[in-house]
Amino acid sequence: MKIFLDTANPSEVRKFVDLGWVDGITTNPSLIASSGRNLLEVIAEFAQIVPGPISAEVTATDWKGMVAEGRKLAKISKQVTVKVPLTFDGLRACSLLSKEDTMVNVTLCFSANQALLAAKSGATFISPFVGRLDDVSQHGMKLVEDICRIYANYPSIHTQVLVASIRHHLHVAEAALLGADVATIPVKILEQMLKHPLTDSGLASFLSDWKGTGQSIL
Protein backbone atom coordinates (compact mmCIF):
# COMPACT_ATOMS: atom_id res chain seq x y z
CA MET A 1 0.00 0.00 0.00
CA LYS A 2 1.24 3.48 -0.86
CA ILE A 3 1.56 6.11 1.84
CA PHE A 4 0.78 9.75 1.09
CA LEU A 5 1.55 12.31 3.77
CA ASP A 6 -1.28 14.72 4.54
CA THR A 7 0.57 17.97 5.08
CA ALA A 8 1.31 21.46 3.80
CA ASN A 9 4.79 21.52 5.35
CA PRO A 10 7.51 20.41 2.91
CA SER A 11 10.25 20.53 5.55
CA GLU A 12 8.67 17.79 7.67
CA VAL A 13 8.54 15.43 4.68
CA ARG A 14 12.17 15.36 3.61
CA LYS A 15 13.50 12.97 6.26
CA PHE A 16 10.90 10.32 5.34
CA VAL A 17 11.34 10.51 1.56
CA ASP A 18 14.93 9.21 1.75
CA LEU A 19 13.66 6.16 3.67
CA GLY A 20 11.25 5.31 0.87
CA TRP A 21 8.22 5.66 3.12
CA VAL A 22 6.52 8.51 1.26
CA ASP A 23 4.92 7.87 -2.13
CA GLY A 24 3.00 11.13 -2.47
CA ILE A 25 1.35 14.09 -0.75
CA THR A 26 -2.18 15.29 -0.10
CA THR A 27 -3.08 18.80 0.93
CA ASN A 28 -6.36 20.61 1.55
CA PRO A 29 -7.47 24.21 2.12
CA SER A 30 -7.41 23.80 5.91
CA LEU A 31 -3.79 22.61 5.89
CA ILE A 32 -2.73 25.43 3.58
CA ALA A 33 -4.52 27.97 5.80
CA SER A 34 -2.73 26.61 8.88
CA SER A 35 0.64 26.80 7.15
CA GLY A 36 0.22 30.48 6.25
CA ARG A 37 1.92 29.82 2.91
CA ASN A 38 0.93 30.28 -0.72
CA LEU A 39 -0.67 27.15 -2.18
CA LEU A 40 1.11 27.34 -5.54
CA GLU A 41 4.51 27.73 -3.87
CA VAL A 42 3.89 24.79 -1.54
CA ILE A 43 2.87 22.48 -4.40
CA ALA A 44 5.90 23.50 -6.47
CA GLU A 45 8.19 22.80 -3.51
CA PHE A 46 6.64 19.38 -2.93
CA ALA A 47 7.24 18.54 -6.59
CA GLN A 48 10.97 18.88 -5.91
CA ILE A 49 10.84 16.56 -2.89
CA VAL A 50 8.46 13.66 -3.47
CA PRO A 51 8.43 11.26 -6.43
CA GLY A 52 4.69 10.67 -6.69
CA PRO A 53 1.30 12.41 -6.88
CA ILE A 54 0.62 15.67 -5.05
CA SER A 55 -3.04 16.41 -4.39
CA ALA A 56 -3.94 20.10 -4.58
CA GLU A 57 -7.55 20.99 -3.89
CA VAL A 58 -9.66 23.45 -5.84
CA THR A 59 -11.73 25.99 -3.92
CA ALA A 60 -14.31 26.83 -6.57
CA THR A 61 -17.70 25.14 -6.18
CA ASP A 62 -18.96 25.39 -9.79
CA TRP A 63 -17.57 23.05 -12.42
CA LYS A 64 -16.22 25.78 -14.67
CA GLY A 65 -14.33 27.33 -11.77
CA MET A 66 -13.01 23.92 -10.71
CA VAL A 67 -11.76 23.19 -14.21
CA ALA A 68 -10.06 26.58 -14.48
CA GLU A 69 -8.38 26.18 -11.09
CA GLY A 70 -7.51 22.56 -11.86
CA ARG A 71 -5.80 23.49 -15.10
CA LYS A 72 -3.75 26.15 -13.34
CA LEU A 73 -2.70 23.71 -10.62
CA ALA A 74 -1.86 21.02 -13.16
CA LYS A 75 0.57 23.38 -14.91
CA ILE A 76 2.80 23.38 -11.82
CA SER A 77 3.90 19.78 -12.33
CA LYS A 78 2.84 16.52 -13.96
CA GLN A 79 2.71 15.17 -10.39
CA VAL A 80 -0.22 17.40 -9.46
CA THR A 81 -3.47 15.58 -8.76
CA VAL A 82 -6.38 17.99 -8.81
CA LYS A 83 -8.60 17.41 -5.80
CA VAL A 84 -12.33 18.03 -6.29
CA PRO A 85 -15.31 17.49 -3.97
CA LEU A 86 -17.81 14.70 -4.52
CA THR A 87 -20.60 16.89 -5.88
CA PHE A 88 -22.28 16.95 -9.27
CA ASP A 89 -20.07 19.86 -10.33
CA GLY A 90 -17.04 18.14 -8.85
CA LEU A 91 -17.63 14.99 -10.90
CA ARG A 92 -18.31 17.03 -14.01
CA ALA A 93 -14.96 18.76 -13.50
CA CYS A 94 -13.37 15.36 -12.82
CA SER A 95 -14.64 14.01 -16.11
CA LEU A 96 -13.28 16.96 -18.10
CA LEU A 97 -9.91 17.09 -16.37
CA SER A 98 -9.44 13.32 -16.64
CA LYS A 99 -10.01 13.53 -20.39
CA GLU A 100 -7.17 16.07 -20.48
CA ASP A 101 -4.87 13.47 -18.83
CA THR A 102 -4.88 15.30 -15.51
CA MET A 103 -4.95 13.11 -12.40
CA VAL A 104 -8.00 13.77 -10.22
CA ASN A 105 -8.60 12.93 -6.56
CA VAL A 106 -12.30 12.98 -5.69
CA THR A 107 -12.56 13.81 -2.01
CA LEU A 108 -15.20 13.79 0.74
CA CYS A 109 -16.59 10.38 -0.20
CA PHE A 110 -19.01 8.90 2.32
CA SER A 111 -20.84 6.16 0.39
CA ALA A 112 -20.12 3.31 -1.99
CA ASN A 113 -22.56 4.76 -4.52
CA GLN A 114 -20.60 8.01 -4.55
CA ALA A 115 -17.40 6.02 -5.13
CA LEU A 116 -18.95 4.19 -8.07
CA LEU A 117 -20.00 7.45 -9.72
CA ALA A 118 -16.53 8.92 -9.15
CA ALA A 119 -14.94 5.93 -10.86
CA LYS A 120 -17.30 6.27 -13.81
CA SER A 121 -16.31 9.95 -14.01
CA GLY A 122 -12.67 8.99 -14.51
CA ALA A 123 -11.29 9.66 -11.03
CA THR A 124 -7.68 8.62 -10.49
CA PHE A 125 -8.29 8.38 -6.73
CA ILE A 126 -11.38 8.18 -4.53
CA SER A 127 -10.97 9.41 -0.95
CA PRO A 128 -13.35 7.83 1.58
CA PHE A 129 -13.18 9.74 4.88
CA VAL A 130 -13.13 6.97 7.49
CA GLY A 131 -12.52 9.08 10.58
CA ARG A 132 -15.42 11.43 9.91
CA LEU A 133 -17.74 8.44 9.52
CA ASP A 134 -16.47 6.99 12.79
CA ASP A 135 -17.16 10.37 14.41
CA VAL A 136 -20.88 10.02 13.63
CA SER A 137 -21.04 6.39 14.82
CA GLN A 138 -20.75 4.83 11.38
CA HIS A 139 -18.11 2.28 10.40
CA GLY A 140 -15.59 4.07 8.21
CA MET A 141 -13.57 0.97 7.34
CA LYS A 142 -16.71 -0.85 6.21
CA LEU A 143 -17.03 1.80 3.51
CA VAL A 144 -13.45 1.13 2.41
CA GLU A 145 -14.21 -2.60 2.28
CA ASP A 146 -17.34 -1.99 0.18
CA ILE A 147 -15.54 0.27 -2.28
CA CYS A 148 -12.65 -2.18 -2.69
CA ARG A 149 -15.09 -5.04 -3.34
CA ILE A 150 -17.11 -3.05 -5.87
CA TYR A 151 -14.04 -1.87 -7.78
CA ALA A 152 -12.60 -5.40 -7.81
CA ASN A 153 -15.77 -6.67 -9.50
CA TYR A 154 -15.11 -4.57 -12.60
CA PRO A 155 -11.74 -4.77 -14.39
CA SER A 156 -12.59 -1.62 -16.33
CA ILE A 157 -12.41 0.45 -13.11
CA HIS A 158 -8.90 1.76 -12.49
CA THR A 159 -9.69 4.28 -9.75
CA GLN A 160 -7.45 3.82 -6.72
CA VAL A 161 -8.88 3.75 -3.20
CA LEU A 162 -7.15 6.42 -1.13
CA VAL A 163 -8.17 6.10 2.52
CA ALA A 164 -8.40 9.54 4.14
CA SER A 165 -9.36 11.11 7.48
CA ILE A 166 -7.27 8.48 9.24
CA ARG A 167 -7.34 9.02 12.99
CA HIS A 168 -4.73 6.54 14.28
CA HIS A 169 -2.16 3.95 13.21
CA LEU A 170 -4.65 1.05 13.45
CA HIS A 171 -6.64 2.63 10.63
CA VAL A 172 -3.53 2.32 8.45
CA ALA A 173 -3.16 -1.40 9.12
CA GLU A 174 -6.88 -1.96 8.52
CA ALA A 175 -6.68 -0.11 5.21
CA ALA A 176 -3.77 -2.30 4.11
CA LEU A 177 -5.57 -5.49 5.16
CA LEU A 178 -8.59 -4.47 3.08
CA GLY A 179 -6.44 -3.94 0.01
CA ALA A 180 -6.70 -0.15 -0.24
CA ASP A 181 -4.25 1.32 -2.72
CA VAL A 182 -3.23 4.34 -0.64
CA ALA A 183 -3.53 5.71 2.89
CA THR A 184 -3.00 9.41 3.44
CA ILE A 185 -1.82 10.24 6.92
CA PRO A 186 -0.29 13.08 8.93
CA VAL A 187 3.34 12.86 10.00
CA LYS A 188 2.29 12.16 13.60
CA ILE A 189 0.58 8.91 12.58
CA LEU A 190 3.50 7.86 10.36
CA GLU A 191 5.74 8.17 13.41
CA GLN A 192 3.24 6.19 15.52
CA MET A 193 3.45 3.32 13.02
CA LEU A 194 7.11 2.85 13.91
CA LYS A 195 6.58 2.67 17.65
CA HIS A 196 5.72 -0.29 19.88
CA PRO A 197 6.46 -0.52 23.63
CA LEU A 198 7.67 -4.12 23.33
CA THR A 199 10.26 -3.05 20.79
CA ASP A 200 11.59 -0.45 23.23
CA SER A 201 11.61 -2.80 26.23
CA GLY A 202 13.14 -5.62 24.20
CA LEU A 203 15.95 -3.40 22.97
CA ALA A 204 16.64 -2.17 26.51
CA SER A 205 16.87 -5.77 27.71
CA PHE A 206 19.26 -6.80 24.92
CA LEU A 207 21.51 -3.80 25.56
CA SER A 208 21.59 -4.49 29.30
CA ASP A 209 22.58 -8.12 28.75
CA TRP A 210 25.22 -7.10 26.21
CA LYS A 211 26.72 -4.56 28.59
CA GLY A 212 27.13 -7.32 31.16
CA THR A 213 29.38 -9.29 28.82
CA GLY A 214 32.00 -6.52 28.76
CA GLN A 215 32.41 -7.07 25.03
CA SER A 216 32.64 -4.53 22.20
CA ILE A 217 32.01 -5.15 18.52
CA LEU A 218 34.33 -2.33 17.45
C-alpha atoms as a PDB file:
ATOM      1  CA  MET A   1       0.000   0.000   0.000  1.00  0.00           C
ATOM      2  CA  LYS A   2       1.243   3.480  -0.860  1.00  0.00           C
ATOM      3  CA  ILE A   3       1.562   6.109   1.836  1.00  0.00           C
ATOM      4  CA  PHE A   4       0.782   9.748   1.090  1.00  0.00           C
ATOM      5  CA  LEU A   5       1.549  12.310   3.772  1.00  0.00           C
ATOM      6  CA  ASP A   6      -1.281  14.724   4.544  1.00  0.00           C
ATOM      7  CA  THR A   7       0.565  17.971   5.085  1.00  0.00           C
ATOM      8  CA  ALA A   8       1.308  21.460   3.799  1.00  0.00           C
ATOM      9  CA  ASN A   9       4.786  21.524   5.348  1.00  0.00           C
ATOM     10  CA  PRO A  10       7.508  20.409   2.908  1.00  0.00           C
ATOM     11  CA  SER A  11      10.247  20.534   5.553  1.00  0.00           C
ATOM     12  CA  GLU A  12       8.667  17.788   7.665  1.00  0.00           C
ATOM     13  CA  VAL A  13       8.536  15.430   4.676  1.00  0.00           C
ATOM     14  CA  ARG A  14      12.169  15.358   3.606  1.00  0.00           C
ATOM     15  CA  LYS A  15      13.500  12.966   6.260  1.00  0.00           C
ATOM     16  CA  PHE A  16      10.897  10.325   5.342  1.00  0.00           C
ATOM     17  CA  VAL A  17      11.343  10.510   1.563  1.00  0.00           C
ATOM     18  CA  ASP A  18      14.927   9.214   1.746  1.00  0.00           C
ATOM     19  CA  LEU A  19      13.662   6.165   3.666  1.00  0.00           C
ATOM     20  CA  GLY A  20      11.255   5.310   0.866  1.00  0.00           C
ATOM     21  CA  TRP A  21       8.215   5.663   3.120  1.00  0.00           C
ATOM     22  CA  VAL A  22       6.516   8.508   1.257  1.00  0.00           C
ATOM     23  CA  ASP A  23       4.919   7.870  -2.127  1.00  0.00           C
ATOM     24  CA  GLY A  24       3.002  11.126  -2.473  1.00  0.00           C
ATOM     25  CA  ILE A  25       1.353  14.088  -0.750  1.00  0.00           C
ATOM     26  CA  THR A  26      -2.178  15.290  -0.098  1.00  0.00           C
ATOM     27  CA  THR A  27      -3.082  18.803   0.926  1.00  0.00           C
ATOM     28  CA  ASN A  28      -6.357  20.606   1.554  1.00  0.00           C
ATOM     29  CA  PRO A  29      -7.469  24.212   2.118  1.00  0.00           C
ATOM     30  CA  SER A  30      -7.412  23.798   5.906  1.00  0.00           C
ATOM     31  CA  LEU A  31      -3.791  22.608   5.893  1.00  0.00           C
ATOM     32  CA  ILE A  32      -2.733  25.434   3.581  1.00  0.00           C
ATOM     33  CA  ALA A  33      -4.523  27.969   5.798  1.00  0.00           C
ATOM     34  CA  SER A  34      -2.734  26.611   8.885  1.00  0.00           C
ATOM     35  CA  SER A  35       0.641  26.805   7.148  1.00  0.00           C
ATOM     36  CA  GLY A  36       0.221  30.481   6.250  1.00  0.00           C
ATOM     37  CA  ARG A  37       1.915  29.824   2.911  1.00  0.00           C
ATOM     38  CA  ASN A  38       0.933  30.279  -0.724  1.00  0.00           C
ATOM     39  CA  LEU A  39      -0.666  27.152  -2.182  1.00  0.00           C
ATOM     40  CA  LEU A  40       1.111  27.341  -5.541  1.00  0.00           C
ATOM     41  CA  GLU A  41       4.508  27.731  -3.873  1.00  0.00           C
ATOM     42  CA  VAL A  42       3.893  24.785  -1.542  1.00  0.00           C
ATOM     43  CA  ILE A  43       2.872  22.480  -4.395  1.00  0.00           C
ATOM     44  CA  ALA A  44       5.899  23.498  -6.468  1.00  0.00           C
ATOM     45  CA  GLU A  45       8.193  22.798  -3.512  1.00  0.00           C
ATOM     46  CA  PHE A  46       6.640  19.380  -2.930  1.00  0.00           C
ATOM     47  CA  ALA A  47       7.244  18.542  -6.589  1.00  0.00           C
ATOM     48  CA  GLN A  48      10.969  18.882  -5.913  1.00  0.00           C
ATOM     49  CA  ILE A  49      10.841  16.556  -2.894  1.00  0.00           C
ATOM     50  CA  VAL A  50       8.461  13.657  -3.472  1.00  0.00           C
ATOM     51  CA  PRO A  51       8.434  11.261  -6.434  1.00  0.00           C
ATOM     52  CA  GLY A  52       4.685  10.674  -6.691  1.00  0.00           C
ATOM     53  CA  PRO A  53       1.303  12.406  -6.875  1.00  0.00           C
ATOM     54  CA  ILE A  54       0.623  15.672  -5.052  1.00  0.00           C
ATOM     55  CA  SER A  55      -3.044  16.415  -4.390  1.00  0.00           C
ATOM     56  CA  ALA A  56      -3.937  20.099  -4.583  1.00  0.00           C
ATOM     57  CA  GLU A  57      -7.549  20.993  -3.886  1.00  0.00           C
ATOM     58  CA  VAL A  58      -9.656  23.452  -5.842  1.00  0.00           C
ATOM     59  CA  THR A  59     -11.734  25.986  -3.923  1.00  0.00           C
ATOM     60  CA  ALA A  60     -14.314  26.833  -6.572  1.00  0.00           C
ATOM     61  CA  THR A  61     -17.700  25.143  -6.182  1.00  0.00           C
ATOM     62  CA  ASP A  62     -18.962  25.385  -9.789  1.00  0.00           C
ATOM     63  CA  TRP A  63     -17.574  23.046 -12.425  1.00  0.00           C
ATOM     64  CA  LYS A  64     -16.224  25.782 -14.674  1.00  0.00           C
ATOM     65  CA  GLY A  65     -14.333  27.325 -11.773  1.00  0.00           C
ATOM     66  CA  MET A  66     -13.008  23.916 -10.706  1.00  0.00           C
ATOM     67  CA  VAL A  67     -11.764  23.186 -14.215  1.00  0.00           C
ATOM     68  CA  ALA A  68     -10.061  26.578 -14.483  1.00  0.00           C
ATOM     69  CA  GLU A  69      -8.378  26.176 -11.093  1.00  0.00           C
ATOM     70  CA  GLY A  70      -7.514  22.559 -11.859  1.00  0.00           C
ATOM     71  CA  ARG A  71      -5.802  23.487 -15.099  1.00  0.00           C
ATOM     72  CA  LYS A  72      -3.748  26.149 -13.339  1.00  0.00           C
ATOM     73  CA  LEU A  73      -2.698  23.714 -10.621  1.00  0.00           C
ATOM     74  CA  ALA A  74      -1.855  21.022 -13.161  1.00  0.00           C
ATOM     75  CA  LYS A  75       0.567  23.378 -14.906  1.00  0.00           C
ATOM     76  CA  ILE A  76       2.797  23.378 -11.824  1.00  0.00           C
ATOM     77  CA  SER A  77       3.904  19.784 -12.330  1.00  0.00           C
ATOM     78  CA  LYS A  78       2.842  16.515 -13.956  1.00  0.00           C
ATOM     79  CA  GLN A  79       2.711  15.169 -10.393  1.00  0.00           C
ATOM     80  CA  VAL A  80      -0.217  17.397  -9.463  1.00  0.00           C
ATOM     81  CA  THR A  81      -3.469  15.582  -8.764  1.00  0.00           C
ATOM     82  CA  VAL A  82      -6.383  17.989  -8.814  1.00  0.00           C
ATOM     83  CA  LYS A  83      -8.600  17.414  -5.801  1.00  0.00           C
ATOM     84  CA  VAL A  84     -12.330  18.027  -6.292  1.00  0.00           C
ATOM     85  CA  PRO A  85     -15.312  17.488  -3.966  1.00  0.00           C
ATOM     86  CA  LEU A  86     -17.809  14.701  -4.525  1.00  0.00           C
ATOM     87  CA  THR A  87     -20.596  16.891  -5.880  1.00  0.00           C
ATOM     88  CA  PHE A  88     -22.280  16.948  -9.271  1.00  0.00           C
ATOM     89  CA  ASP A  89     -20.073  19.864 -10.331  1.00  0.00           C
ATOM     90  CA  GLY A  90     -17.036  18.143  -8.853  1.00  0.00           C
ATOM     91  CA  LEU A  91     -17.632  14.991 -10.898  1.00  0.00           C
ATOM     92  CA  ARG A  92     -18.306  17.034 -14.007  1.00  0.00           C
ATOM     93  CA  ALA A  93     -14.956  18.758 -13.501  1.00  0.00           C
ATOM     94  CA  CYS A  94     -13.367  15.357 -12.819  1.00  0.00           C
ATOM     95  CA  SER A  95     -14.637  14.007 -16.109  1.00  0.00           C
ATOM     96  CA  LEU A  96     -13.284  16.956 -18.097  1.00  0.00           C
ATOM     97  CA  LEU A  97      -9.907  17.090 -16.365  1.00  0.00           C
ATOM     98  CA  SER A  98      -9.440  13.321 -16.636  1.00  0.00           C
ATOM     99  CA  LYS A  99     -10.005  13.531 -20.393  1.00  0.00           C
ATOM    100  CA  GLU A 100      -7.169  16.069 -20.475  1.00  0.00           C
ATOM    101  CA  ASP A 101      -4.874  13.469 -18.828  1.00  0.00           C
ATOM    102  CA  THR A 102      -4.880  15.296 -15.506  1.00  0.00           C
ATOM    103  CA  MET A 103      -4.953  13.108 -12.403  1.00  0.00           C
ATOM    104  CA  VAL A 104      -7.998  13.770 -10.215  1.00  0.00           C
ATOM    105  CA  ASN A 105      -8.596  12.926  -6.561  1.00  0.00           C
ATOM    106  CA  VAL A 106     -12.302  12.975  -5.688  1.00  0.00           C
ATOM    107  CA  THR A 107     -12.563  13.811  -2.011  1.00  0.00           C
ATOM    108  CA  LEU A 108     -15.196  13.790   0.742  1.00  0.00           C
ATOM    109  CA  CYS A 109     -16.593  10.379  -0.202  1.00  0.00           C
ATOM    110  CA  PHE A 110     -19.012   8.897   2.325  1.00  0.00           C
ATOM    111  CA  SER A 111     -20.844   6.165   0.395  1.00  0.00           C
ATOM    112  CA  ALA A 112     -20.122   3.309  -1.987  1.00  0.00           C
ATOM    113  CA  ASN A 113     -22.561   4.764  -4.519  1.00  0.00           C
ATOM    114  CA  GLN A 114     -20.599   8.009  -4.546  1.00  0.00           C
ATOM    115  CA  ALA A 115     -17.403   6.022  -5.126  1.00  0.00           C
ATOM    116  CA  LEU A 116     -18.952   4.194  -8.065  1.00  0.00           C
ATOM    117  CA  LEU A 117     -19.997   7.454  -9.715  1.00  0.00           C
ATOM    118  CA  ALA A 118     -16.530   8.922  -9.154  1.00  0.00           C
ATOM    119  CA  ALA A 119     -14.936   5.934 -10.860  1.00  0.00           C
ATOM    120  CA  LYS A 120     -17.299   6.271 -13.808  1.00  0.00           C
ATOM    121  CA  SER A 121     -16.314   9.946 -14.011  1.00  0.00           C
ATOM    122  CA  GLY A 122     -12.673   8.991 -14.513  1.00  0.00           C
ATOM    123  CA  ALA A 123     -11.289   9.662 -11.028  1.00  0.00           C
ATOM    124  CA  THR A 124      -7.685   8.624 -10.487  1.00  0.00           C
ATOM    125  CA  PHE A 125      -8.287   8.383  -6.730  1.00  0.00           C
ATOM    126  CA  ILE A 126     -11.376   8.177  -4.532  1.00  0.00           C
ATOM    127  CA  SER A 127     -10.967   9.412  -0.951  1.00  0.00           C
ATOM    128  CA  PRO A 128     -13.352   7.829   1.584  1.00  0.00           C
ATOM    129  CA  PHE A 129     -13.178   9.740   4.877  1.00  0.00           C
ATOM    130  CA  VAL A 130     -13.126   6.974   7.488  1.00  0.00           C
ATOM    131  CA  GLY A 131     -12.516   9.084  10.581  1.00  0.00           C
ATOM    132  CA  ARG A 132     -15.416  11.427   9.910  1.00  0.00           C
ATOM    133  CA  LEU A 133     -17.739   8.444   9.518  1.00  0.00           C
ATOM    134  CA  ASP A 134     -16.473   6.993  12.791  1.00  0.00           C
ATOM    135  CA  ASP A 135     -17.162  10.369  14.406  1.00  0.00           C
ATOM    136  CA  VAL A 136     -20.879  10.016  13.628  1.00  0.00           C
ATOM    137  CA  SER A 137     -21.037   6.388  14.819  1.00  0.00           C
ATOM    138  CA  GLN A 138     -20.747   4.834  11.376  1.00  0.00           C
ATOM    139  CA  HIS A 139     -18.114   2.277  10.402  1.00  0.00           C
ATOM    140  CA  GLY A 140     -15.590   4.068   8.211  1.00  0.00           C
ATOM    141  CA  MET A 141     -13.572   0.974   7.339  1.00  0.00           C
ATOM    142  CA  LYS A 142     -16.706  -0.852   6.208  1.00  0.00           C
ATOM    143  CA  LEU A 143     -17.029   1.800   3.511  1.00  0.00           C
ATOM    144  CA  VAL A 144     -13.446   1.126   2.406  1.00  0.00           C
ATOM    145  CA  GLU A 145     -14.209  -2.597   2.278  1.00  0.00           C
ATOM    146  CA  ASP A 146     -17.341  -1.987   0.183  1.00  0.00           C
ATOM    147  CA  ILE A 147     -15.540   0.273  -2.283  1.00  0.00           C
ATOM    148  CA  CYS A 148     -12.647  -2.175  -2.695  1.00  0.00           C
ATOM    149  CA  ARG A 149     -15.092  -5.035  -3.336  1.00  0.00           C
ATOM    150  CA  ILE A 150     -17.112  -3.054  -5.874  1.00  0.00           C
ATOM    151  CA  TYR A 151     -14.042  -1.871  -7.778  1.00  0.00           C
ATOM    152  CA  ALA A 152     -12.601  -5.400  -7.812  1.00  0.00           C
ATOM    153  CA  ASN A 153     -15.769  -6.672  -9.497  1.00  0.00           C
ATOM    154  CA  TYR A 154     -15.112  -4.573 -12.598  1.00  0.00           C
ATOM    155  CA  PRO A 155     -11.736  -4.772 -14.387  1.00  0.00           C
ATOM    156  CA  SER A 156     -12.595  -1.618 -16.328  1.00  0.00           C
ATOM    157  CA  ILE A 157     -12.410   0.448 -13.107  1.00  0.00           C
ATOM    158  CA  HIS A 158      -8.896   1.762 -12.495  1.00  0.00           C
ATOM    159  CA  THR A 159      -9.693   4.280  -9.753  1.00  0.00           C
ATOM    160  CA  GLN A 160      -7.449   3.820  -6.720  1.00  0.00           C
ATOM    161  CA  VAL A 161      -8.876   3.748  -3.202  1.00  0.00           C
ATOM    162  CA  LEU A 162      -7.153   6.422  -1.134  1.00  0.00           C
ATOM    163  CA  VAL A 163      -8.169   6.098   2.520  1.00  0.00           C
ATOM    164  CA  ALA A 164      -8.402   9.540   4.139  1.00  0.00           C
ATOM    165  CA  SER A 165      -9.362  11.108   7.476  1.00  0.00           C
ATOM    166  CA  ILE A 166      -7.266   8.478   9.235  1.00  0.00           C
ATOM    167  CA  ARG A 167      -7.343   9.021  12.991  1.00  0.00           C
ATOM    168  CA  HIS A 168      -4.732   6.537  14.279  1.00  0.00           C
ATOM    169  CA  HIS A 169      -2.161   3.946  13.209  1.00  0.00           C
ATOM    170  CA  LEU A 170      -4.654   1.054  13.454  1.00  0.00           C
ATOM    171  CA  HIS A 171      -6.641   2.633  10.635  1.00  0.00           C
ATOM    172  CA  VAL A 172      -3.530   2.320   8.449  1.00  0.00           C
ATOM    173  CA  ALA A 173      -3.157  -1.400   9.124  1.00  0.00           C
ATOM    174  CA  GLU A 174      -6.880  -1.961   8.520  1.00  0.00           C
ATOM    175  CA  ALA A 175      -6.684  -0.114   5.211  1.00  0.00           C
ATOM    176  CA  ALA A 176      -3.772  -2.295   4.109  1.00  0.00           C
ATOM    177  CA  LEU A 177      -5.574  -5.490   5.158  1.00  0.00           C
ATOM    178  CA  LEU A 178      -8.592  -4.470   3.082  1.00  0.00           C
ATOM    179  CA  GLY A 179      -6.436  -3.940   0.014  1.00  0.00           C
ATOM    180  CA  ALA A 180      -6.697  -0.150  -0.241  1.00  0.00           C
ATOM    181  CA  ASP A 181      -4.250   1.324  -2.724  1.00  0.00           C
ATOM    182  CA  VAL A 182      -3.233   4.337  -0.638  1.00  0.00           C
ATOM    183  CA  ALA A 183      -3.528   5.705   2.887  1.00  0.00           C
ATOM    184  CA  THR A 184      -2.998   9.413   3.440  1.00  0.00           C
ATOM    185  CA  ILE A 185      -1.817  10.235   6.922  1.00  0.00           C
ATOM    186  CA  PRO A 186      -0.286  13.076   8.934  1.00  0.00           C
ATOM    187  CA  VAL A 187       3.339  12.855   9.995  1.00  0.00           C
ATOM    188  CA  LYS A 188       2.286  12.162  13.600  1.00  0.00           C
ATOM    189  CA  ILE A 189       0.581   8.912  12.576  1.00  0.00           C
ATOM    190  CA  LEU A 190       3.500   7.859  10.359  1.00  0.00           C
ATOM    191  CA  GLU A 191       5.741   8.169  13.406  1.00  0.00           C
ATOM    192  CA  GLN A 192       3.241   6.186  15.516  1.00  0.00           C
ATOM    193  CA  MET A 193       3.452   3.318  13.024  1.00  0.00           C
ATOM    194  CA  LEU A 194       7.111   2.849  13.905  1.00  0.00           C
ATOM    195  CA  LYS A 195       6.585   2.671  17.647  1.00  0.00           C
ATOM    196  CA  HIS A 196       5.718  -0.293  19.881  1.00  0.00           C
ATOM    197  CA  PRO A 197       6.456  -0.516  23.630  1.00  0.00           C
ATOM    198  CA  LEU A 198       7.666  -4.124  23.335  1.00  0.00           C
ATOM    199  CA  THR A 199      10.260  -3.049  20.785  1.00  0.00           C
ATOM    200  CA  ASP A 200      11.592  -0.452  23.227  1.00  0.00           C
ATOM    201  CA  SER A 201      11.615  -2.800  26.232  1.00  0.00           C
ATOM    202  CA  GLY A 202      13.136  -5.619  24.195  1.00  0.00           C
ATOM    203  CA  LEU A 203      15.954  -3.399  22.967  1.00  0.00           C
ATOM    204  CA  ALA A 204      16.636  -2.166  26.506  1.00  0.00           C
ATOM    205  CA  SER A 205      16.872  -5.772  27.713  1.00  0.00           C
ATOM    206  CA  PHE A 206      19.263  -6.798  24.923  1.00  0.00           C
ATOM    207  CA  LEU A 207      21.509  -3.799  25.561  1.00  0.00           C
ATOM    208  CA  SER A 208      21.589  -4.487  29.299  1.00  0.00           C
ATOM    209  CA  ASP A 209      22.584  -8.117  28.748  1.00  0.00           C
ATOM    210  CA  TRP A 210      25.224  -7.103  26.209  1.00  0.00           C
ATOM    211  CA  LYS A 211      26.723  -4.557  28.590  1.00  0.00           C
ATOM    212  CA  GLY A 212      27.128  -7.320  31.163  1.00  0.00           C
ATOM    213  CA  THR A 213      29.384  -9.290  28.822  1.00  0.00           C
ATOM    214  CA  GLY A 214      31.999  -6.524  28.759  1.00  0.00           C
ATOM    215  CA  GLN A 215      32.413  -7.066  25.031  1.00  0.00           C
ATOM    216  CA  SER A 216      32.644  -4.533  22.204  1.00  0.00           C
ATOM    217  CA  ILE A 217      32.005  -5.154  18.518  1.00  0.00           C
ATOM    218  CA  LEU A 218      34.326  -2.331  17.448  1.00  0.00           C
END
